[in-house]
Amino acid sequence: SWEATKWLADHGVPTLEWPPRSPDLNPLENLWALLSRRVSDRFPKTAEELRNCVVEEWNRIPQTLVDNYVFSFTARLSTCLRQGGGTIQGRLLHESR
């Protein structure tokens, strides 16, 4: 928010210029996408099945994968900045042409 940005500036906290719409930079977005795919593949039919699938699949995500998402931030940030805020997937498509 503008207030948070102003507070950080007023207190000399260095920040990055953040590209708009940059879910590639948020490790949680990647985890939510993975979780969504895994749960969808199980085709839960009731709210209770859905809840159980979400909990089970969340617990199956290895900590090393979470760590990889977090530790790859610098590389993902660099790619996003080279894309002018575009997605990493967009960059991969562009490079494959």
Protein backbone atom coordinates (compact mmCIF):
# COMPACT_ATOMS: atom_id res chain seq x y z
CA SER A 1 0.00 0.00 0.00
CA TRP A 2 1.01 3.61 -0.39
CA GLU A 3 1.19 4.11 3.41
CA ALA A 4 3.57 1.18 3.83
CA THR A 5 5.76 2.40 0.97
CA LYS A 6 5.86 5.89 2.47
CA TRP A 7 6.74 4.55 5.92
CA LEU A 8 9.60 2.49 4.51
CA ALA A 9 10.94 5.49 2.58
CA ASP A 10 10.60 7.79 5.61
CA HIS A 11 12.59 5.34 7.71
CA GLY A 12 15.35 4.76 5.17
CA VAL A 13 14.43 1.15 4.45
CA PRO A 14 15.75 0.13 1.01
CA THR A 15 13.17 -1.50 -1.25
CA LEU A 16 13.05 -3.02 -4.71
CA GLU A 17 10.98 -1.53 -7.47
CA TRP A 18 8.44 -4.33 -7.68
CA PRO A 19 7.11 -5.30 -11.10
CA PRO A 20 3.31 -5.31 -11.27
CA ARG A 21 1.47 -8.62 -11.36
CA SER A 22 4.51 -10.71 -10.50
CA PRO A 23 3.26 -14.01 -9.01
CA ASP A 24 6.48 -15.68 -10.20
CA LEU A 25 8.25 -13.83 -7.39
CA ASN A 26 6.03 -15.14 -4.63
CA PRO A 27 6.98 -18.67 -3.52
CA LEU A 28 3.48 -19.16 -2.12
CA GLU A 29 1.92 -18.64 -5.55
CA ASN A 30 4.03 -21.50 -6.87
CA LEU A 31 3.03 -23.69 -3.94
CA TRP A 32 -0.68 -22.85 -4.37
CA ALA A 33 -0.45 -23.79 -8.06
CA LEU A 34 1.21 -27.10 -7.23
CA LEU A 35 -1.33 -27.83 -4.50
CA SER A 36 -4.21 -26.95 -6.82
CA ARG A 37 -2.95 -29.34 -9.52
CA ARG A 38 -2.43 -32.17 -7.05
CA VAL A 39 -5.86 -31.75 -5.47
CA SER A 40 -7.59 -31.40 -8.85
CA ASP A 41 -5.99 -34.64 -10.01
CA ARG A 42 -7.75 -36.43 -7.15
CA PHE A 43 -11.25 -35.22 -8.15
CA PRO A 44 -12.72 -34.67 -4.67
CA LYS A 45 -16.52 -34.85 -4.76
CA THR A 46 -17.54 -33.41 -1.39
CA ALA A 47 -16.37 -30.54 0.78
CA GLU A 48 -14.99 -33.06 3.27
CA GLU A 49 -13.04 -34.89 0.53
CA LEU A 50 -11.72 -31.56 -0.71
CA ARG A 51 -10.55 -30.58 2.76
CA ASN A 52 -8.87 -33.95 3.27
CA CYS A 53 -7.19 -33.80 -0.14
CA VAL A 54 -5.85 -30.30 0.52
CA VAL A 55 -4.41 -31.29 3.90
CA GLU A 56 -2.92 -34.55 2.58
CA GLU A 57 -1.38 -32.98 -0.52
CA TRP A 58 -0.03 -30.01 1.46
CA ASN A 59 1.66 -32.42 3.85
CA ARG A 60 3.19 -34.32 0.90
CA ILE A 61 5.03 -31.27 -0.44
CA PRO A 62 8.68 -31.85 0.48
CA GLN A 63 10.41 -29.13 2.46
CA THR A 64 13.24 -29.21 -0.09
CA LEU A 65 10.78 -28.06 -2.78
CA VAL A 66 9.63 -25.17 -0.57
CA ASP A 67 13.27 -24.29 0.05
CA ASN A 68 14.01 -24.36 -3.69
CA TYR A 69 11.16 -21.92 -4.36
CA VAL A 70 12.47 -19.55 -1.69
CA PHE A 71 16.16 -19.84 -2.61
CA SER A 72 15.47 -19.34 -6.32
CA PHE A 73 14.04 -15.87 -5.64
CA THR A 74 17.07 -13.97 -6.95
CA ALA A 75 17.06 -15.80 -10.27
CA ARG A 76 13.29 -15.39 -10.65
CA LEU A 77 13.55 -11.69 -9.80
CA SER A 78 16.27 -11.18 -12.41
CA THR A 79 14.20 -12.95 -15.07
CA CYS A 80 11.10 -10.94 -14.17
CA LEU A 81 13.01 -7.66 -14.35
CA ARG A 82 14.48 -8.60 -17.76
CA GLN A 83 10.91 -9.25 -18.87
CA GLY A 84 9.83 -5.79 -17.70
CA GLY A 85 7.52 -7.40 -15.15
CA GLY A 86 6.44 -10.20 -17.49
CA THR A 87 6.11 -13.80 -16.39
CA ILE A 88 8.85 -16.37 -16.42
CA GLN A 89 6.60 -18.56 -18.57
CA GLY A 90 6.38 -15.70 -21.08
CA ARG A 91 10.17 -15.54 -21.15
CA LEU A 92 10.44 -19.28 -21.72
CA LEU A 93 7.97 -19.12 -24.60
CA HIS A 94 9.84 -16.19 -26.14
CA GLU A 95 13.19 -18.01 -25.90
CA SER A 96 11.83 -21.18 -27.51
CA ARG A 97 10.90 -19.34 -30.72
